[in-house]
Amino acid sequence: MKRLHYLAASVILLVIEILIGLYAHGFIRNYVGDVLVVILLFTICKTISPDKPKRWYVLPLCILIFAYGVEFLQLWGFCDKLGIENRLLRIIIGTGFSVGDLVSYSVGVLVTLGTLQFCHREINEEDS
């Protein structure tokens, strides 16, 4: 059952991300999309393996490290140095470093951690 919840969340977030990519501008496109993308990565991972890792905070932190890594690859010029010309791949990887993106990824992970902490507390209270 958990897997279906995560799958539904993944589909909804993916649709929102696509709509942001196609139609949004300014703050929504620059920041909200980046907040949501780390949440989307989390829900995709949990769809694939809903019970891993055992500690609730590990996956969001790993996703944050991954997102930071991708952002720093942009600073290095990853797409240009590897000669990646595919437009979709360049959009997915990104081509420009931004400290604002790092902040957005952090906010997205904080939202995820806060939600998980709330759900973890609710589950523990029900078991008592």
C-alpha atoms as a PDB file:
ATOM      1  CA  MET A   1       0.000   0.000   0.000  1.00  0.00           C
ATOM      2  CA  LYS A   2       2.852   2.402   0.799  1.00  0.00           C
ATOM      3  CA  ARG A   3       4.211   1.858  -2.694  1.00  0.00           C
ATOM      4  CA  LEU A   4       0.950   3.041  -4.276  1.00  0.00           C
ATOM      5  CA  HIS A   5       0.931   6.206  -2.167  1.00  0.00           C
ATOM      6  CA  TYR A   6       4.480   7.007  -3.226  1.00  0.00           C
ATOM      7  CA  LEU A   7       3.668   6.208  -6.858  1.00  0.00           C
ATOM      8  CA  ALA A   8       0.657   8.543  -6.781  1.00  0.00           C
ATOM      9  CA  ALA A   9       2.763  11.285  -5.203  1.00  0.00           C
ATOM     10  CA  SER A  10       5.469  10.720  -7.833  1.00  0.00           C
ATOM     11  CA  VAL A  11       3.006  11.029 -10.712  1.00  0.00           C
ATOM     12  CA  ILE A  12       1.438  14.182  -9.264  1.00  0.00           C
ATOM     13  CA  LEU A  13       4.833  15.782  -8.621  1.00  0.00           C
ATOM     14  CA  LEU A  14       6.077  14.828 -12.090  1.00  0.00           C
ATOM     15  CA  VAL A  15       3.032  16.433 -13.716  1.00  0.00           C
ATOM     16  CA  ILE A  16       3.564  19.578 -11.624  1.00  0.00           C
ATOM     17  CA  GLU A  17       7.248  19.655 -12.585  1.00  0.00           C
ATOM     18  CA  ILE A  18       6.391  19.309 -16.285  1.00  0.00           C
ATOM     19  CA  LEU A  19       3.804  22.097 -16.016  1.00  0.00           C
ATOM     20  CA  ILE A  20       6.328  24.312 -14.234  1.00  0.00           C
ATOM     21  CA  GLY A  21       8.881  23.572 -16.953  1.00  0.00           C
ATOM     22  CA  LEU A  22       6.417  24.400 -19.720  1.00  0.00           C
ATOM     23  CA  TYR A  23       4.498  27.364 -18.336  1.00  0.00           C
ATOM     24  CA  ALA A  24       6.000  28.885 -15.192  1.00  0.00           C
ATOM     25  CA  HIS A  25       8.401  31.803 -15.000  1.00  0.00           C
ATOM     26  CA  GLY A  26      10.308  33.689 -12.350  1.00  0.00           C
ATOM     27  CA  PHE A  27      10.150  32.516  -8.740  1.00  0.00           C
ATOM     28  CA  ILE A  28       8.002  29.432  -9.450  1.00  0.00           C
ATOM     29  CA  ARG A  29      10.262  28.114 -12.179  1.00  0.00           C
ATOM     30  CA  ASN A  30      13.528  29.113 -10.526  1.00  0.00           C
ATOM     31  CA  TYR A  31      12.856  27.975  -6.979  1.00  0.00           C
ATOM     32  CA  VAL A  32       9.617  26.034  -6.448  1.00  0.00           C
ATOM     33  CA  GLY A  33      10.553  23.575  -9.199  1.00  0.00           C
ATOM     34  CA  ASP A  34      13.863  22.881  -7.447  1.00  0.00           C
ATOM     35  CA  VAL A  35      12.148  22.421  -4.082  1.00  0.00           C
ATOM     36  CA  LEU A  36       9.759  19.918  -5.644  1.00  0.00           C
ATOM     37  CA  VAL A  37      12.382  18.011  -7.636  1.00  0.00           C
ATOM     38  CA  VAL A  38      14.116  16.661  -4.521  1.00  0.00           C
ATOM     39  CA  ILE A  39      10.731  15.633  -3.118  1.00  0.00           C
ATOM     40  CA  LEU A  40       9.998  13.926  -6.449  1.00  0.00           C
ATOM     41  CA  LEU A  41      13.308  12.041  -6.275  1.00  0.00           C
ATOM     42  CA  PHE A  42      12.399  10.905  -2.763  1.00  0.00           C
ATOM     43  CA  THR A  43       8.956   9.629  -3.804  1.00  0.00           C
ATOM     44  CA  ILE A  44      10.415   7.818  -6.817  1.00  0.00           C
ATOM     45  CA  CYS A  45      12.997   6.074  -4.614  1.00  0.00           C
ATOM     46  CA  LYS A  46      10.306   5.105  -2.110  1.00  0.00           C
ATOM     47  CA  THR A  47       8.083   3.803  -4.932  1.00  0.00           C
ATOM     48  CA  ILE A  48      10.886   1.495  -6.008  1.00  0.00           C
ATOM     49  CA  SER A  49      11.882   0.432  -2.494  1.00  0.00           C
ATOM     50  CA  PRO A  50       9.386   1.642   0.131  1.00  0.00           C
ATOM     51  CA  ASP A  51      11.099   0.029   3.131  1.00  0.00           C
ATOM     52  CA  LYS A  52      14.692   1.073   2.420  1.00  0.00           C
ATOM     53  CA  PRO A  53      16.647   2.546   4.056  1.00  0.00           C
ATOM     54  CA  LYS A  54      15.432   1.656   7.543  1.00  0.00           C
ATOM     55  CA  ARG A  55      16.318   5.014   9.109  1.00  0.00           C
ATOM     56  CA  TRP A  56      13.781   7.570   7.876  1.00  0.00           C
ATOM     57  CA  TYR A  57      16.254  10.451   7.506  1.00  0.00           C
ATOM     58  CA  VAL A  58      18.950   8.695   5.429  1.00  0.00           C
ATOM     59  CA  LEU A  59      17.300   8.814   1.988  1.00  0.00           C
ATOM     60  CA  PRO A  60      16.449  12.552   2.052  1.00  0.00           C
ATOM     61  CA  LEU A  61      20.013  13.365   3.089  1.00  0.00           C
ATOM     62  CA  CYS A  62      21.416  11.155   0.301  1.00  0.00           C
ATOM     63  CA  ILE A  63      19.141  12.918  -2.183  1.00  0.00           C
ATOM     64  CA  LEU A  64      20.393  16.293  -0.927  1.00  0.00           C
ATOM     65  CA  ILE A  65      24.004  15.203  -1.422  1.00  0.00           C
ATOM     66  CA  PHE A  66      23.114  13.969  -4.931  1.00  0.00           C
ATOM     67  CA  ALA A  67      21.365  17.269  -5.791  1.00  0.00           C
ATOM     68  CA  TYR A  68      24.325  19.284  -4.513  1.00  0.00           C
ATOM     69  CA  GLY A  69      26.627  17.058  -6.548  1.00  0.00           C
ATOM     70  CA  VAL A  70      24.669  17.714  -9.731  1.00  0.00           C
ATOM     71  CA  GLU A  71      24.673  21.445  -8.994  1.00  0.00           C
ATOM     72  CA  PHE A  72      28.440  21.477  -8.521  1.00  0.00           C
ATOM     73  CA  LEU A  73      28.825  19.526 -11.783  1.00  0.00           C
ATOM     74  CA  GLN A  74      26.992  22.466 -13.378  1.00  0.00           C
ATOM     75  CA  LEU A  75      29.550  24.834 -11.849  1.00  0.00           C
ATOM     76  CA  TRP A  76      32.270  22.719 -13.445  1.00  0.00           C
ATOM     77  CA  GLY A  77      30.498  22.880 -16.836  1.00  0.00           C
ATOM     78  CA  PHE A  78      29.687  19.167 -17.011  1.00  0.00           C
ATOM     79  CA  CYS A  79      27.466  19.282 -20.110  1.00  0.00           C
ATOM     80  CA  ASP A  80      29.830  21.490 -22.091  1.00  0.00           C
ATOM     81  CA  LYS A  81      32.972  19.591 -21.110  1.00  0.00           C
ATOM     82  CA  LEU A  82      31.393  16.264 -22.080  1.00  0.00           C
ATOM     83  CA  GLY A  83      29.917  17.728 -25.264  1.00  0.00           C
ATOM     84  CA  ILE A  84      26.313  16.912 -24.305  1.00  0.00           C
ATOM     85  CA  GLU A  85      24.130  18.569 -26.931  1.00  0.00           C
ATOM     86  CA  ASN A  86      20.803  16.791 -26.344  1.00  0.00           C
ATOM     87  CA  ARG A  87      18.400  19.565 -25.253  1.00  0.00           C
ATOM     88  CA  LEU A  88      16.334  17.400 -22.894  1.00  0.00           C
ATOM     89  CA  LEU A  89      19.435  15.982 -21.205  1.00  0.00           C
ATOM     90  CA  ARG A  90      20.870  19.488 -20.796  1.00  0.00           C
ATOM     91  CA  ILE A  91      17.599  20.603 -19.156  1.00  0.00           C
ATOM     92  CA  ILE A  92      17.543  17.595 -16.816  1.00  0.00           C
ATOM     93  CA  ILE A  93      21.201  17.951 -15.790  1.00  0.00           C
ATOM     94  CA  GLY A  94      21.224  21.731 -15.949  1.00  0.00           C
ATOM     95  CA  THR A  95      23.902  24.008 -17.290  1.00  0.00           C
ATOM     96  CA  GLY A  96      24.149  26.862 -14.797  1.00  0.00           C
ATOM     97  CA  PHE A  97      25.264  26.813 -11.182  1.00  0.00           C
ATOM     98  CA  SER A  98      23.152  28.739  -8.687  1.00  0.00           C
ATOM     99  CA  VAL A  99      23.420  29.117  -4.939  1.00  0.00           C
ATOM    100  CA  GLY A 100      19.642  29.646  -5.021  1.00  0.00           C
ATOM    101  CA  ASP A 101      19.286  26.101  -6.340  1.00  0.00           C
ATOM    102  CA  LEU A 102      21.282  24.768  -3.398  1.00  0.00           C
ATOM    103  CA  VAL A 103      18.964  26.642  -1.033  1.00  0.00           C
ATOM    104  CA  SER A 104      15.898  25.303  -2.874  1.00  0.00           C
ATOM    105  CA  TYR A 105      17.155  21.731  -2.670  1.00  0.00           C
ATOM    106  CA  SER A 106      17.780  22.203   1.041  1.00  0.00           C
ATOM    107  CA  VAL A 107      14.253  23.553   1.561  1.00  0.00           C
ATOM    108  CA  GLY A 108      12.817  20.573  -0.341  1.00  0.00           C
ATOM    109  CA  VAL A 109      14.743  18.136   1.833  1.00  0.00           C
ATOM    110  CA  LEU A 110      13.692  20.003   4.993  1.00  0.00           C
ATOM    111  CA  VAL A 111      10.051  19.704   3.889  1.00  0.00           C
ATOM    112  CA  THR A 112      10.592  16.000   3.260  1.00  0.00           C
ATOM    113  CA  LEU A 113      12.320  15.481   6.616  1.00  0.00           C
ATOM    114  CA  GLY A 114       9.612  17.451   8.416  1.00  0.00           C
ATOM    115  CA  THR A 115       6.880  15.404   6.774  1.00  0.00           C
ATOM    116  CA  LEU A 116       8.668  12.160   7.602  1.00  0.00           C
ATOM    117  CA  GLN A 117       9.247  13.235  11.195  1.00  0.00           C
ATOM    118  CA  PHE A 118       5.557  14.109  11.535  1.00  0.00           C
ATOM    119  CA  CYS A 119       4.487  10.774  10.020  1.00  0.00           C
ATOM    120  CA  HIS A 120       7.018   8.880  12.146  1.00  0.00           C
ATOM    121  CA  ARG A 121       5.655  10.553  15.291  1.00  0.00           C
ATOM    122  CA  GLU A 122       2.060   9.781  14.267  1.00  0.00           C
ATOM    123  CA  ILE A 123       2.905   6.102  13.721  1.00  0.00           C
ATOM    124  CA  ASN A 124       4.679   5.862  17.074  1.00  0.00           C
ATOM    125  CA  GLU A 125       1.714   7.470  18.874  1.00  0.00           C
ATOM    126  CA  GLU A 126      -0.708   5.012  17.259  1.00  0.00           C
ATOM    127  CA  ASP A 127       1.440   2.078  18.421  1.00  0.00           C
ATOM    128  CA  SER A 128       1.402   3.321  22.041  1.00  0.00           C
END
